[in-house]
């Protein structure tokens, strides 16, 4: 089976891509279509909703962070296991890094590489015919990127819809939907974006409501007709594995405080023969003693700092584990490995104390962007000298450093050096950056 598919994109963030993607995934699944979803670029939260709607894990596809061979293998697996594939873009259609053509991280890279047409979501609040100028520019900007059609979002009235749709139709680009302004069709947000799907108290009802909205306001048959069969690119150079498994049995912290783990990384570990054993620090569970590595992913520990501080079995078990086996923390996990975490109210909570830093959510500063790391010592994510691409997205700051040795030398996505980062002490390592894939 080779799926047909579309990329759902927009001129900018906040236009409604996530809701449109979620609505189409849910509506197609209700029709009995074996539909899968993917997300362009680094993102943990949107994929959780698409996973719930599709009933399958939503995979990230990143043309900057992933070697070509890995990207092609992931797309091949998606296209071979589904009838229809919807890929939600990030930011605007052509937004990415300045860099080699096809490797910028933009959704347009995926459209060109896999010959997938783009379903364009336009927020037309505050405009009408001007929307046609946006469509014209996006449709002609890159010869290998084809606009399949447009979904108008936040339409204020029938007259508003007609003014915009008539102007766009004159370009020969079909209007495939028009969604009214509806305050109920929004998802709750917090500082890193949407509240996680697992915390959404009425998720199933919300998914059903957006599927019904798609049925009322979008021409789903026309959307499917404007899709294309995924064109699988010839595998390029590089590894088809994201990260080698750090052990044979990996203890993985997994709960509301530690929810940011990329499905392609977990799938790669399991494909290589590793077993992933989840445990919950919030339930005061220690990493299972029969594991040979412990991984603390990112998430929202700052929202649960008091609970983690009093989780005596978790903290003592983690300390005992680290005496003989590697422990690695990413972002939120790195924060928990430190001496303390200061929450938004300014209260300090004792953390594991396996590294010497203190992080604060009261002193907030946005850290956002792609990262390339060169490891300064061997650890759970690779041997010394390994280059890993990933990203940072957090508001926490280091308010007290430590004499721990740094874990990696960092560069941003434009290859500007950011200096040493993270920490290592004995078998314990941690960093604010999230690893997506090894690149060398």
Protein backbone atom coordinates (compact mmCIF):
# COMPACT_ATOMS: atom_id res chain seq x y z
CA UNK A 1 0.00 0.00 0.00
CA UNK A 2 1.21 3.50 -0.84
CA UNK A 3 -0.84 6.26 0.72
CA UNK A 4 -2.24 9.36 -0.84
CA UNK A 5 -1.55 12.49 1.11
CA UNK A 6 -1.55 16.22 1.65
CA UNK A 7 0.39 18.76 3.65
CA UNK A 8 -1.69 21.15 5.74
CA UNK A 9 0.11 24.48 5.93
CA UNK A 10 -0.49 28.22 6.19
CA UNK A 11 1.25 31.57 5.71
CA UNK A 12 2.01 31.80 9.45
CA UNK A 13 1.56 30.26 12.87
CA UNK A 14 -1.84 30.56 14.51
CA UNK A 15 -3.85 30.28 11.29
CA UNK A 16 -5.63 27.07 12.34
CA UNK A 17 -3.47 24.29 10.90
CA UNK A 18 -3.77 22.04 13.95
CA UNK A 19 -7.57 22.23 14.11
CA UNK A 20 -7.93 21.61 10.35
CA UNK A 21 -5.52 18.67 10.44
CA UNK A 22 -7.22 17.21 13.50
CA UNK A 23 -10.67 17.66 11.94
CA UNK A 24 -9.69 15.95 8.69
CA UNK A 25 -7.94 13.07 10.45
CA UNK A 26 -10.97 12.48 12.68
CA UNK A 27 -13.49 12.81 9.85
CA UNK A 28 -11.59 10.42 7.58
CA UNK A 29 -11.24 7.88 10.37
CA UNK A 30 -14.97 8.06 11.01
CA UNK A 31 -15.44 7.16 7.34
CA UNK A 32 -13.36 4.03 7.85
CA UNK A 33 -10.22 5.38 6.16
CA UNK A 34 -6.90 4.13 7.55
CA UNK A 35 -5.45 7.59 8.10
CA UNK A 36 -2.10 8.55 9.62
CA UNK A 37 -0.81 11.94 10.68
CA UNK A 38 2.67 13.44 10.79
CA UNK A 39 4.07 16.77 11.96
CA UNK A 40 6.72 18.78 10.14
CA UNK A 41 9.50 19.93 12.41
CA UNK A 42 10.05 19.60 16.15
CA UNK A 43 6.83 19.45 18.17
CA UNK A 44 5.56 17.19 20.94
CA UNK A 45 2.13 18.60 21.68
CA UNK A 46 0.22 18.82 18.37
CA UNK A 47 1.13 15.19 17.54
CA UNK A 48 -0.57 14.04 20.74
CA UNK A 49 -3.93 15.27 19.44
CA UNK A 50 -3.36 13.78 15.99
CA UNK A 51 -2.44 10.46 17.60
CA UNK A 52 -5.72 10.47 19.52
CA UNK A 53 -7.70 11.25 16.35
CA UNK A 54 -5.95 8.73 14.09
CA UNK A 55 -5.46 5.90 16.58
CA UNK A 56 -1.82 5.65 15.44
CA UNK A 57 1.31 7.49 16.62
CA UNK A 58 1.89 10.82 14.87
CA UNK A 59 5.48 10.89 13.59
CA UNK A 60 7.68 13.99 13.26
CA UNK A 61 9.42 14.60 9.92
CA UNK A 62 12.24 17.14 9.97
CA UNK A 63 14.29 17.96 6.87
CA UNK A 64 16.94 19.86 8.86
CA UNK A 65 17.46 17.58 11.85
CA UNK A 66 17.03 14.18 10.19
CA UNK A 67 19.46 12.54 7.78
CA UNK A 68 17.86 11.89 4.41
CA UNK A 69 17.90 8.14 4.90
CA UNK A 70 15.99 8.43 8.20
CA UNK A 71 13.48 10.87 6.72
CA UNK A 72 12.83 8.58 3.76
CA UNK A 73 12.48 5.49 5.93
CA UNK A 74 9.94 7.19 8.19
CA UNK A 75 7.92 8.39 5.21
CA UNK A 76 8.09 4.95 3.61
CA UNK A 77 6.74 3.37 6.80
CA UNK A 78 3.92 5.92 7.02
CA UNK A 79 2.94 5.56 3.38
CA UNK A 80 3.11 1.76 3.48
CA UNK A 81 0.86 1.50 6.53
CA UNK A 82 -1.98 3.86 5.60
CA UNK A 83 -4.50 4.81 2.96
CA UNK A 84 -4.24 8.52 3.60
CA UNK A 85 -1.53 10.69 5.15
CA UNK A 86 -1.92 14.23 6.50
CA UNK A 87 1.20 16.18 7.46
CA UNK A 88 0.75 19.33 9.53
CA UNK A 89 3.33 22.00 8.79
CA UNK A 90 4.99 24.27 11.33
CA UNK A 91 4.88 28.07 11.22
CA UNK A 92 4.52 29.28 7.62
CA UNK A 93 4.82 27.06 4.55
CA UNK A 94 8.31 28.27 3.60
CA UNK A 95 9.59 29.09 7.08
CA UNK A 96 12.84 27.35 7.94
CA UNK A 97 16.54 27.96 8.16
CA UNK A 98 18.71 29.49 5.51
CA UNK A 99 20.60 26.50 4.21
CA UNK A 100 20.84 23.80 1.57
CA UNK A 101 17.77 23.52 -0.64
CA UNK A 102 15.44 20.86 0.71
CA UNK A 103 17.06 20.74 4.15
CA UNK A 104 15.73 23.89 5.81
CA UNK A 105 13.14 22.32 8.11
CA UNK A 106 10.27 24.03 6.24
CA UNK A 107 7.08 22.17 5.38
CA UNK A 108 7.73 23.14 1.75
CA UNK A 109 10.77 20.82 1.78
CA UNK A 110 8.49 17.84 2.44
CA UNK A 111 6.03 18.97 -0.23
CA UNK A 112 8.80 19.09 -2.82
CA UNK A 113 10.65 15.94 -1.72
CA UNK A 114 7.59 13.69 -1.64
CA UNK A 115 5.48 15.42 -4.33
CA UNK A 116 2.70 16.21 -1.88
CA UNK A 117 0.25 19.04 -2.62
CA UNK A 118 -0.48 21.65 0.04
CA UNK A 119 -3.85 22.36 1.60
CA UNK A 120 -3.52 26.01 2.60
CA UNK A 121 -5.29 27.26 5.73
CA UNK A 122 -5.96 31.01 5.61
CA UNK A 123 -7.08 33.00 8.62
CA UNK A 124 -9.07 35.72 6.84
CA UNK A 125 -10.10 37.66 9.94
CA UNK A 126 -9.38 41.31 9.20
CA UNK A 127 -9.16 40.84 5.42
CA UNK A 128 -11.10 39.55 2.44
CA UNK A 129 -9.84 39.89 -1.18
CA UNK A 130 -6.28 40.40 0.04
CA UNK A 131 -6.29 36.69 0.83
CA UNK A 132 -6.04 36.07 -2.91
CA UNK A 133 -2.75 37.94 -3.08
CA UNK A 134 -1.36 35.68 -0.36
CA UNK A 135 -2.50 32.60 -2.27
CA UNK A 136 -0.99 33.89 -5.51
CA UNK A 137 2.37 34.49 -3.85
CA UNK A 138 2.49 31.12 -2.08
CA UNK A 139 1.34 29.27 -5.21
CA UNK A 140 4.11 30.73 -7.37
CA UNK A 141 6.97 30.93 -4.87
CA UNK A 142 8.48 27.49 -5.57
CA UNK A 143 7.91 25.48 -8.76
CA UNK A 144 7.90 22.13 -6.91
CA UNK A 145 5.35 23.20 -4.29
CA UNK A 146 1.74 22.97 -5.50
CA UNK A 147 -1.25 24.47 -3.69
CA UNK A 148 -4.08 21.92 -3.88
CA UNK A 149 -6.73 24.17 -2.41
CA UNK A 150 -7.63 26.56 0.36
CA UNK A 151 -9.56 26.29 3.61
CA UNK A 152 -10.75 29.70 4.81
CA UNK A 153 -10.70 30.03 8.60
CA UNK A 154 -12.40 32.45 11.00
CA UNK A 155 -14.98 33.55 8.44
CA UNK A 156 -17.19 36.29 9.87
CA UNK A 157 -20.22 36.12 7.57
CA UNK A 158 -21.50 34.79 4.24
CA UNK A 159 -20.54 38.06 2.56
CA UNK A 160 -17.05 37.80 4.06
CA UNK A 161 -16.74 34.26 2.69
CA UNK A 162 -17.86 35.27 -0.80
CA UNK A 163 -15.50 38.23 -1.03
CA UNK A 164 -12.48 36.07 -0.18
CA UNK A 165 -13.49 32.90 -2.02
CA UNK A 166 -14.45 34.66 -5.26
CA UNK A 167 -11.09 36.48 -5.35
CA UNK A 168 -9.18 33.23 -4.73
CA UNK A 169 -11.28 31.20 -7.18
CA UNK A 170 -10.28 33.64 -9.93
CA UNK A 171 -6.73 32.28 -9.54
CA UNK A 172 -7.90 28.76 -10.35
CA UNK A 173 -7.29 27.56 -6.79
CA UNK A 174 -10.32 25.78 -5.34
CA UNK A 175 -11.90 26.66 -2.00
CA UNK A 176 -12.26 23.36 -0.11
CA UNK A 177 -13.73 24.69 3.11
CA UNK A 178 -14.78 27.77 5.05
CA UNK A 179 -14.76 27.59 8.84
CA UNK A 180 -16.72 30.15 10.86
CA UNK A 181 -15.35 32.01 13.84
CA UNK A 182 -16.05 29.69 16.74
CA UNK A 183 -14.56 30.17 20.17
CA UNK A 184 -15.44 26.59 21.07
CA UNK A 185 -13.08 25.20 18.43
CA UNK A 186 -9.92 26.10 20.29
CA UNK A 187 -7.60 24.06 22.45
CA UNK A 188 -6.38 25.21 25.89
CA UNK A 189 -2.84 26.55 25.96
CA UNK A 190 0.00 27.06 28.41
CA UNK A 191 3.54 28.43 28.15
CA UNK A 192 4.92 25.75 25.76
CA UNK A 193 1.85 25.68 23.55
CA UNK A 194 -1.27 23.56 23.80
CA UNK A 195 -2.10 21.60 26.92
CA UNK A 196 -1.08 17.99 26.28
CA UNK A 197 -3.73 15.71 24.80
CA UNK A 198 -3.38 13.34 27.75
CA UNK A 199 -4.50 16.17 30.08
CA UNK A 200 -7.51 17.20 27.98
CA UNK A 201 -10.52 16.20 30.09
CA UNK A 202 -12.95 15.94 27.15
CA UNK A 203 -10.61 14.94 24.34
CA UNK A 204 -12.86 12.36 22.68
CA UNK A 205 -15.80 14.75 22.63
CA UNK A 206 -13.59 17.51 21.23
CA UNK A 207 -12.25 15.26 18.46
CA UNK A 208 -15.80 14.27 17.56
CA UNK A 209 -16.86 17.92 17.48
CA UNK A 210 -14.09 18.95 15.08
CA UNK A 211 -14.87 15.94 12.86
CA UNK A 212 -18.49 17.11 12.73
CA UNK A 213 -17.29 20.64 11.95
CA UNK A 214 -15.26 19.28 9.02
CA UNK A 215 -18.34 17.50 7.72
CA UNK A 216 -20.39 20.72 7.84
CA UNK A 217 -17.88 23.23 6.55
CA UNK A 218 -15.34 21.35 4.41
CA UNK A 219 -15.68 19.34 1.21
CA UNK A 220 -13.88 16.24 2.42
CA UNK A 221 -14.38 14.37 -0.85
CA UNK A 222 -12.75 17.26 -2.72
CA UNK A 223 -9.87 17.37 -0.23
CA UNK A 224 -9.20 13.67 -0.85
CA UNK A 225 -9.51 14.15 -4.62
CA UNK A 226 -6.90 16.94 -4.56
CA UNK A 227 -4.35 14.75 -2.77
CA UNK A 228 -1.55 12.81 -4.47
CA UNK A 229 0.17 9.49 -4.06
CA UNK A 230 3.24 9.88 -1.87
CA UNK A 231 6.36 9.89 -4.06
CA UNK A 232 9.01 8.07 -2.06
CA UNK A 233 12.41 9.67 -2.53
CA UNK A 234 15.48 7.56 -3.08
CA UNK A 235 17.26 7.06 0.22
CA UNK A 236 20.01 9.59 0.75
CA UNK A 237 23.23 9.46 2.71
CA UNK A 238 23.26 9.12 6.46
CA UNK A 239 21.87 6.83 9.09
CA UNK A 240 18.33 5.44 8.93
CA UNK A 241 18.36 5.21 12.76
CA UNK A 242 17.67 8.31 14.84
CA UNK A 243 19.53 7.42 18.04
CA UNK A 244 21.06 4.06 18.98
CA UNK A 245 19.39 2.56 22.06
CA UNK A 246 21.28 3.53 25.24
CA UNK A 247 20.67 0.09 26.74
CA UNK A 248 18.92 -3.22 26.34
CA UNK A 249 16.24 -2.31 28.88
CA UNK A 250 15.58 1.42 29.13
CA UNK A 251 13.69 2.86 32.10
CA UNK A 252 11.64 5.73 30.69
CA UNK A 253 9.97 8.34 32.92
CA UNK A 254 6.47 8.72 31.49
CA UNK A 255 3.67 10.76 33.06
CA UNK A 256 2.27 14.31 33.01
CA UNK A 257 5.66 15.74 34.08
CA UNK A 258 7.68 13.72 31.54
CA UNK A 259 5.69 13.46 28.32
CA UNK A 260 8.01 14.76 25.59
CA UNK A 261 9.45 11.73 23.81
CA UNK A 262 9.60 11.44 20.04
CA UNK A 263 7.85 8.31 18.69
CA UNK A 264 10.50 7.81 16.01
CA UNK A 265 13.20 7.57 18.70
CA UNK A 266 11.24 5.00 20.71
CA UNK A 267 10.39 3.01 17.58
CA UNK A 268 14.07 2.99 16.58
CA UNK A 269 15.12 1.69 19.99
CA UNK A 270 12.57 -1.09 19.83
CA UNK A 271 13.52 -1.95 16.25
CA UNK A 272 17.11 -2.36 17.43
CA UNK A 273 15.95 -4.87 20.04
CA UNK A 274 15.73 -2.68 23.15
CA UNK A 275 12.85 -2.89 25.61
CA UNK A 276 11.39 0.37 26.93
CA UNK A 277 10.04 0.12 30.48
CA UNK A 278 7.92 3.12 31.57
CA UNK A 279 7.69 4.32 35.16
CA UNK A 280 6.03 7.34 36.81
CA UNK A 281 8.02 9.71 39.03
CA UNK A 282 4.76 11.51 39.89
CA UNK A 283 3.46 8.23 41.31
CA UNK A 284 6.70 8.02 43.33
CA UNK A 285 8.00 5.10 41.28
CA UNK A 286 11.74 4.48 41.01
CA UNK A 287 13.36 3.40 37.74
CA UNK A 288 13.02 -0.40 37.56
CA UNK A 289 16.15 -2.03 38.91
CA UNK A 290 16.34 -4.59 36.09
CA UNK A 291 16.99 -1.82 33.53
CA UNK A 292 20.45 -0.77 32.36
CA UNK A 293 19.74 2.88 31.51
CA UNK A 294 17.31 5.56 32.70
CA UNK A 295 15.96 8.33 30.47
CA UNK A 296 14.11 11.36 31.83
CA UNK A 297 12.48 13.18 28.88
CA UNK A 298 11.18 16.71 28.83
CA UNK A 299 7.72 17.80 29.88
CA UNK A 300 6.28 20.00 32.59
CA UNK A 301 8.14 19.26 35.84
CA UNK A 302 7.77 22.91 36.83
CA UNK A 303 4.02 22.30 37.20
CA UNK A 304 4.63 19.32 39.48
CA UNK A 305 7.76 20.42 41.35
CA UNK A 306 6.20 20.02 44.80
CA UNK A 307 5.10 16.46 44.06
CA UNK A 308 8.50 15.53 42.65
CA UNK A 309 10.28 17.06 45.65
CA UNK A 310 8.37 14.79 48.03
CA UNK A 311 8.64 11.66 45.85
CA UNK A 312 11.14 9.96 48.17
CA UNK A 313 11.12 6.55 46.51
CA UNK A 314 11.68 8.10 43.09
CA UNK A 315 14.56 10.29 44.24
CA UNK A 316 16.36 7.62 46.29
CA UNK A 317 15.78 5.01 43.60
CA UNK A 318 17.17 7.32 40.94
CA UNK A 319 20.26 7.98 43.08
CA UNK A 320 20.85 4.26 43.59
CA UNK A 321 20.33 3.61 39.88
CA UNK A 322 22.83 6.31 38.88
CA UNK A 323 25.54 4.78 41.06
CA UNK A 324 25.98 1.91 38.59
CA UNK A 325 24.12 2.80 35.38
CA UNK A 326 23.72 5.79 33.06
CA UNK A 327 20.94 8.34 33.63
CA UNK A 328 20.16 11.04 31.06
CA UNK A 329 17.75 13.97 31.25
CA UNK A 330 16.43 16.19 28.44
CA UNK A 331 15.09 19.68 29.20
CA UNK A 332 12.57 19.02 31.99
CA UNK A 333 14.44 15.84 32.86
CA UNK A 334 17.64 17.89 33.09
CA UNK A 335 15.89 20.30 35.46
CA UNK A 336 14.88 17.41 37.73
CA UNK A 337 18.44 16.06 37.82
CA UNK A 338 19.68 19.34 39.34
CA UNK A 339 19.85 20.52 42.95
CA UNK A 340 16.66 22.53 42.82
CA UNK A 341 13.79 23.88 40.73
CA UNK A 342 12.22 27.27 41.43
CA UNK A 343 8.60 27.34 40.31
CA UNK A 344 6.63 30.29 38.88
CA UNK A 345 5.69 31.52 42.36
CA UNK A 346 9.34 31.70 43.40
CA UNK A 347 9.23 28.66 45.69
CA UNK A 348 12.31 26.44 45.53
CA UNK A 349 11.86 22.66 45.49
CA UNK A 350 14.65 20.15 46.05
CA UNK A 351 15.28 17.91 43.04
CA UNK A 352 17.43 14.80 42.59
CA UNK A 353 20.79 16.54 43.20
CA UNK A 354 22.64 14.29 40.75
CA UNK A 355 23.87 17.38 38.91
CA UNK A 356 24.73 20.67 40.57
CA UNK A 357 22.62 23.27 38.76
CA UNK A 358 19.45 25.09 39.88
CA UNK A 359 16.79 26.09 37.36
CA UNK A 360 14.09 28.72 37.70
CA UNK A 361 10.72 29.15 36.13
CA UNK A 362 10.19 32.36 38.07
CA UNK A 363 13.01 33.99 36.09
CA UNK A 364 11.68 33.28 32.61
CA UNK A 365 13.42 33.68 29.26
CA UNK A 366 12.45 31.99 26.02
CA UNK A 367 15.04 29.63 24.55
CA UNK A 368 13.88 28.46 21.14
CA UNK A 369 15.53 27.04 18.05
CA UNK A 370 17.34 24.23 16.34
CA UNK A 371 20.55 22.98 17.92
CA UNK A 372 23.49 20.87 16.77
CA UNK A 373 25.48 19.34 19.61
CA UNK A 374 28.91 17.72 19.60
CA UNK A 375 29.24 15.43 22.61
CA UNK A 376 32.31 16.07 24.74
CA UNK A 377 32.11 12.66 26.42
CA UNK A 378 30.36 9.36 25.83
CA UNK A 379 26.90 9.14 27.37
CA UNK A 380 23.43 7.68 26.82
CA UNK A 381 22.92 9.59 23.56
CA UNK A 382 26.19 8.60 21.92
CA UNK A 383 29.98 8.34 22.14
CA UNK A 384 32.27 11.34 22.46
CA UNK A 385 32.49 13.34 19.25
CA UNK A 386 29.03 12.35 18.06
CA UNK A 387 27.06 15.16 16.42
CA UNK A 388 23.37 15.27 17.22
CA UNK A 389 20.70 17.56 15.87
CA UNK A 390 17.69 18.60 17.89
CA UNK A 391 16.08 21.68 19.36
CA UNK A 392 15.44 23.74 22.46
CA UNK A 393 12.09 25.16 23.55
CA UNK A 394 11.83 26.22 27.17
CA UNK A 395 11.43 29.24 29.44
CA UNK A 396 13.52 27.97 32.35
CA UNK A 397 16.79 29.66 33.20
CA UNK A 398 19.90 28.50 35.03
CA UNK A 399 20.11 30.65 38.15
CA UNK A 400 22.89 28.70 39.84
CA UNK A 401 25.56 26.93 37.90
CA UNK A 402 27.70 24.02 38.98
CA UNK A 403 31.20 22.72 38.58
CA UNK A 404 29.90 19.78 36.53
CA UNK A 405 31.74 19.20 33.28
CA UNK A 406 29.74 20.31 30.22
CA UNK A 407 28.07 17.62 28.12
CA UNK A 408 28.31 19.17 24.66
CA UNK A 409 29.39 22.07 22.52
CA UNK A 410 26.31 23.66 20.94
CA UNK A 411 25.62 25.49 17.71
CA UNK A 412 22.30 26.95 16.65
CA UNK A 413 20.65 26.04 13.36
CA UNK A 414 22.66 28.70 11.51
CA UNK A 415 25.89 27.13 12.83
CA UNK A 416 26.63 29.98 15.22
CA UNK A 417 28.53 28.65 18.20
CA UNK A 418 26.66 28.86 21.50
CA UNK A 419 29.39 27.37 23.68
CA UNK A 420 29.39 24.49 26.16
CA UNK A 421 26.05 23.27 27.45
CA UNK A 422 24.51 20.71 29.75
CA UNK A 423 26.28 18.81 32.48
CA UNK A 424 27.82 15.44 33.34
CA UNK A 425 28.83 13.95 36.63
CA UNK A 426 29.76 10.30 36.89
CA UNK A 427 27.15 8.33 34.94
CA UNK A 428 24.63 11.19 34.99
CA UNK A 429 24.18 13.55 32.04
CA UNK A 430 21.65 16.20 31.12
CA UNK A 431 20.97 19.01 28.70
CA UNK A 432 18.25 21.46 27.75
CA UNK A 433 18.26 20.33 24.11
CA UNK A 434 16.01 17.56 22.82
CA UNK A 435 17.74 15.07 20.53
CA UNK A 436 16.06 14.26 17.20
CA UNK A 437 18.77 12.31 15.37
CA UNK A 438 22.49 11.64 15.14
CA UNK A 439 24.06 13.21 12.05
CA UNK A 440 27.69 12.18 12.44
